[in-house]
Amino acid sequence: MRRRRLLPRRATDALPRDTDLVLLGIKSWDPETYRKLTGPPLKPPLDFARRLAELGQDAHVRFALVPGLTDDPTDAEGVAALAGGLGNVSRVDVLPFRKLGEAKWQALGMPSTLHGTPSPAPEQVAAVREVFRSHGLHAV
């Protein structure tokens, strides 16, 4: 079952003003990969990110590093260029893929779409963090 993400489109400008911090999960820069990972299209989260920047709302970007899906250098570069240009992103979390969720998928009797996907090497995670840092961002 997919989660519905209605907040960005339905949120009024008052909601971000009443929020201390927004976590933006931009899982991929490539629209096809983003849809494959999340279900919905990439455009609404990007529009919401730009809207938050216009409002001056502090945001953290969360980038999932998944070998074979989001490890293409252009993926991190695209997200980094966007985040670096917004002016309101105070931190980027590079989230290395972990296999911890596989047991949950099995318990639910559902096939894991990322079964067999390895975790990224520490050097790969460090390199992606450097891509974000090269755009003036605090990446962890």
C-alpha atoms as a PDB file:
ATOM      1  CA  MET A   1       0.000   0.000   0.000  1.00  0.00           C
ATOM      2  CA  ARG A   2       1.390   3.427  -0.951  1.00  0.00           C
ATOM      3  CA  ARG A   3       1.221   6.386   1.371  1.00  0.00           C
ATOM      4  CA  ARG A   4      -0.550   9.432   0.021  1.00  0.00           C
ATOM      5  CA  ARG A   5       1.375  12.672   0.240  1.00  0.00           C
ATOM      6  CA  LEU A   6      -1.197  15.417   0.198  1.00  0.00           C
ATOM      7  CA  LEU A   7       0.448  17.936   2.476  1.00  0.00           C
ATOM      8  CA  PRO A   8       2.596  19.898   0.001  1.00  0.00           C
ATOM      9  CA  ARG A   9      -0.274  20.708  -2.347  1.00  0.00           C
ATOM     10  CA  ARG A  10      -2.913  21.293   0.301  1.00  0.00           C
ATOM     11  CA  ALA A  11      -0.810  23.131   2.871  1.00  0.00           C
ATOM     12  CA  THR A  12      -1.480  26.840   3.130  1.00  0.00           C
ATOM     13  CA  ASP A  13       1.416  29.243   3.667  1.00  0.00           C
ATOM     14  CA  ALA A  14       0.396  29.419   7.342  1.00  0.00           C
ATOM     15  CA  LEU A  15       1.444  25.815   7.975  1.00  0.00           C
ATOM     16  CA  PRO A  16       5.135  26.285   7.144  1.00  0.00           C
ATOM     17  CA  ARG A  17       5.167  29.529   9.147  1.00  0.00           C
ATOM     18  CA  ASP A  18       3.947  27.573  12.176  1.00  0.00           C
ATOM     19  CA  THR A  19       6.549  24.839  11.655  1.00  0.00           C
ATOM     20  CA  ASP A  20      10.088  24.963  12.987  1.00  0.00           C
ATOM     21  CA  LEU A  21      11.639  22.642  10.437  1.00  0.00           C
ATOM     22  CA  VAL A  22      10.559  20.753   7.329  1.00  0.00           C
ATOM     23  CA  LEU A  23      12.214  17.490   6.261  1.00  0.00           C
ATOM     24  CA  LEU A  24      12.243  17.204   2.482  1.00  0.00           C
ATOM     25  CA  GLY A  25      12.695  13.643   1.261  1.00  0.00           C
ATOM     26  CA  ILE A  26      14.061  14.109  -2.222  1.00  0.00           C
ATOM     27  CA  LYS A  27      14.950  10.511  -2.929  1.00  0.00           C
ATOM     28  CA  SER A  28      16.222  11.036  -6.461  1.00  0.00           C
ATOM     29  CA  TRP A  29      16.760  13.769  -9.032  1.00  0.00           C
ATOM     30  CA  ASP A  30      15.689  11.545 -11.896  1.00  0.00           C
ATOM     31  CA  PRO A  31      11.873  11.603 -12.308  1.00  0.00           C
ATOM     32  CA  GLU A  32      11.720   7.923 -13.346  1.00  0.00           C
ATOM     33  CA  THR A  33      13.841   6.754 -10.427  1.00  0.00           C
ATOM     34  CA  TYR A  34      11.897   8.942  -8.002  1.00  0.00           C
ATOM     35  CA  ARG A  35       8.604   7.450  -9.176  1.00  0.00           C
ATOM     36  CA  LYS A  36      10.046   3.931  -8.990  1.00  0.00           C
ATOM     37  CA  LEU A  37      11.168   4.497  -5.384  1.00  0.00           C
ATOM     38  CA  THR A  38       8.172   6.429  -4.066  1.00  0.00           C
ATOM     39  CA  GLY A  39       5.211   6.038  -6.426  1.00  0.00           C
ATOM     40  CA  PRO A  40       4.224   9.707  -6.910  1.00  0.00           C
ATOM     41  CA  PRO A  41       5.912  12.069  -9.394  1.00  0.00           C
ATOM     42  CA  LEU A  42       8.936  14.202  -8.494  1.00  0.00           C
ATOM     43  CA  LYS A  43       7.459  17.591  -9.448  1.00  0.00           C
ATOM     44  CA  PRO A  44       5.249  18.186  -6.345  1.00  0.00           C
ATOM     45  CA  PRO A  45       8.118  17.800  -3.829  1.00  0.00           C
ATOM     46  CA  LEU A  46      10.316  20.101  -5.933  1.00  0.00           C
ATOM     47  CA  ASP A  47       7.528  22.682  -6.153  1.00  0.00           C
ATOM     48  CA  PHE A  48       7.026  22.438  -2.382  1.00  0.00           C
ATOM     49  CA  ALA A  49      10.786  22.850  -1.796  1.00  0.00           C
ATOM     50  CA  ARG A  50      10.772  26.035  -3.884  1.00  0.00           C
ATOM     51  CA  ARG A  51       7.680  27.295  -2.069  1.00  0.00           C
ATOM     52  CA  LEU A  52       9.377  26.748   1.302  1.00  0.00           C
ATOM     53  CA  ALA A  53      12.395  28.697   0.049  1.00  0.00           C
ATOM     54  CA  GLU A  54      10.158  31.605  -0.967  1.00  0.00           C
ATOM     55  CA  LEU A  55       8.700  31.592   2.547  1.00  0.00           C
ATOM     56  CA  GLY A  56      12.168  31.393   4.131  1.00  0.00           C
ATOM     57  CA  GLN A  57      11.234  28.158   5.934  1.00  0.00           C
ATOM     58  CA  ASP A  58      14.174  26.185   7.332  1.00  0.00           C
ATOM     59  CA  ALA A  59      14.461  22.766   5.697  1.00  0.00           C
ATOM     60  CA  HIS A  60      16.610  19.665   5.832  1.00  0.00           C
ATOM     61  CA  VAL A  61      16.942  17.555   2.706  1.00  0.00           C
ATOM     62  CA  ARG A  62      17.071  13.782   3.068  1.00  0.00           C
ATOM     63  CA  PHE A  63      18.777  11.984   0.175  1.00  0.00           C
ATOM     64  CA  ALA A  64      18.574   8.185   0.099  1.00  0.00           C
ATOM     65  CA  LEU A  65      21.688   6.599  -1.366  1.00  0.00           C
ATOM     66  CA  VAL A  66      20.578   3.293  -2.897  1.00  0.00           C
ATOM     67  CA  PRO A  67      23.167   1.357  -4.936  1.00  0.00           C
ATOM     68  CA  GLY A  68      21.898   0.705  -8.423  1.00  0.00           C
ATOM     69  CA  LEU A  69      19.171   3.367  -8.121  1.00  0.00           C
ATOM     70  CA  THR A  70      20.371   6.705  -6.754  1.00  0.00           C
ATOM     71  CA  ASP A  71      24.139   6.219  -6.884  1.00  0.00           C
ATOM     72  CA  ASP A  72      24.579   7.774 -10.319  1.00  0.00           C
ATOM     73  CA  PRO A  73      26.678  10.926  -9.759  1.00  0.00           C
ATOM     74  CA  THR A  74      24.132  13.045 -11.658  1.00  0.00           C
ATOM     75  CA  ASP A  75      21.461  12.100  -9.118  1.00  0.00           C
ATOM     76  CA  ALA A  76      23.237  13.578  -6.097  1.00  0.00           C
ATOM     77  CA  GLU A  77      24.491  16.480  -8.226  1.00  0.00           C
ATOM     78  CA  GLY A  78      20.960  17.407  -9.279  1.00  0.00           C
ATOM     79  CA  VAL A  79      19.583  17.325  -5.738  1.00  0.00           C
ATOM     80  CA  ALA A  80      22.647  19.203  -4.450  1.00  0.00           C
ATOM     81  CA  ALA A  81      22.306  21.944  -7.080  1.00  0.00           C
ATOM     82  CA  LEU A  82      18.635  22.407  -6.207  1.00  0.00           C
ATOM     83  CA  ALA A  83      19.214  22.389  -2.445  1.00  0.00           C
ATOM     84  CA  GLY A  84      22.229  24.682  -2.677  1.00  0.00           C
ATOM     85  CA  GLY A  85      20.287  27.175  -4.757  1.00  0.00           C
ATOM     86  CA  LEU A  86      17.250  27.359  -2.489  1.00  0.00           C
ATOM     87  CA  GLY A  87      18.904  29.310   0.332  1.00  0.00           C
ATOM     88  CA  ASN A  88      16.835  27.721   3.116  1.00  0.00           C
ATOM     89  CA  VAL A  89      18.408  24.248   3.397  1.00  0.00           C
ATOM     90  CA  SER A  90      20.427  24.145   6.600  1.00  0.00           C
ATOM     91  CA  ARG A  91      21.386  20.470   6.418  1.00  0.00           C
ATOM     92  CA  VAL A  92      21.431  17.467   4.101  1.00  0.00           C
ATOM     93  CA  ASP A  93      21.192  13.945   5.471  1.00  0.00           C
ATOM     94  CA  VAL A  94      22.730  11.395   3.117  1.00  0.00           C
ATOM     95  CA  LEU A  95      20.926   8.213   4.107  1.00  0.00           C
ATOM     96  CA  PRO A  96      22.750   5.041   3.097  1.00  0.00           C
ATOM     97  CA  PHE A  97      20.400   2.205   2.142  1.00  0.00           C
ATOM     98  CA  ARG A  98      20.096  -0.443   4.855  1.00  0.00           C
ATOM     99  CA  LYS A  99      18.495  -3.870   4.702  1.00  0.00           C
ATOM    100  CA  LEU A 100      16.717  -3.497   8.051  1.00  0.00           C
ATOM    101  CA  GLY A 101      13.282  -3.292   6.433  1.00  0.00           C
ATOM    102  CA  GLU A 102      13.470  -6.623   4.595  1.00  0.00           C
ATOM    103  CA  ALA A 103      12.149  -8.590   7.575  1.00  0.00           C
ATOM    104  CA  LYS A 104       9.139  -6.282   7.765  1.00  0.00           C
ATOM    105  CA  TRP A 105       8.320  -6.896   4.104  1.00  0.00           C
ATOM    106  CA  GLN A 106       8.601 -10.643   4.671  1.00  0.00           C
ATOM    107  CA  ALA A 107       6.375 -10.490   7.764  1.00  0.00           C
ATOM    108  CA  LEU A 108       3.741  -8.677   5.696  1.00  0.00           C
ATOM    109  CA  GLY A 109       3.990 -11.334   2.992  1.00  0.00           C
ATOM    110  CA  MET A 110       4.985  -8.712   0.448  1.00  0.00           C
ATOM    111  CA  PRO A 111       7.949  -8.845  -1.928  1.00  0.00           C
ATOM    112  CA  SER A 112      10.662  -6.321  -1.146  1.00  0.00           C
ATOM    113  CA  THR A 113      11.308  -4.228  -4.242  1.00  0.00           C
ATOM    114  CA  LEU A 114      14.896  -3.707  -3.071  1.00  0.00           C
ATOM    115  CA  HIS A 115      15.651  -7.330  -2.119  1.00  0.00           C
ATOM    116  CA  GLY A 116      19.276  -8.091  -2.840  1.00  0.00           C
ATOM    117  CA  THR A 117      20.298  -4.439  -2.949  1.00  0.00           C
ATOM    118  CA  PRO A 118      23.604  -3.979  -1.100  1.00  0.00           C
ATOM    119  CA  SER A 119      24.358  -1.170   1.317  1.00  0.00           C
ATOM    120  CA  PRO A 120      26.673   1.478  -0.146  1.00  0.00           C
ATOM    121  CA  ALA A 121      30.350   1.405   0.781  1.00  0.00           C
ATOM    122  CA  PRO A 122      31.508   4.054   3.288  1.00  0.00           C
ATOM    123  CA  GLU A 123      33.649   5.643   0.550  1.00  0.00           C
ATOM    124  CA  GLN A 124      30.567   5.984  -1.657  1.00  0.00           C
ATOM    125  CA  VAL A 125      28.623   7.698   1.150  1.00  0.00           C
ATOM    126  CA  ALA A 126      31.541  10.062   1.797  1.00  0.00           C
ATOM    127  CA  ALA A 127      31.769  10.930  -1.919  1.00  0.00           C
ATOM    128  CA  VAL A 128      28.056  11.793  -2.081  1.00  0.00           C
ATOM    129  CA  ARG A 129      28.365  13.969   1.035  1.00  0.00           C
ATOM    130  CA  GLU A 130      31.192  15.812  -0.715  1.00  0.00           C
ATOM    131  CA  VAL A 131      28.924  16.498  -3.702  1.00  0.00           C
ATOM    132  CA  PHE A 132      26.488  18.265  -1.371  1.00  0.00           C
ATOM    133  CA  ARG A 133      29.303  20.104   0.427  1.00  0.00           C
ATOM    134  CA  SER A 134      30.615  21.357  -2.918  1.00  0.00           C
ATOM    135  CA  HIS A 135      27.302  23.246  -3.217  1.00  0.00           C
ATOM    136  CA  GLY A 136      27.844  24.970   0.130  1.00  0.00           C
ATOM    137  CA  LEU A 137      25.624  22.611   2.101  1.00  0.00           C
ATOM    138  CA  HIS A 138      26.162  21.028   5.508  1.00  0.00           C
ATOM    139  CA  ALA A 139      25.972  17.315   4.680  1.00  0.00           C
ATOM    140  CA  VAL A 140      25.979  14.521   7.242  1.00  0.00           C
END
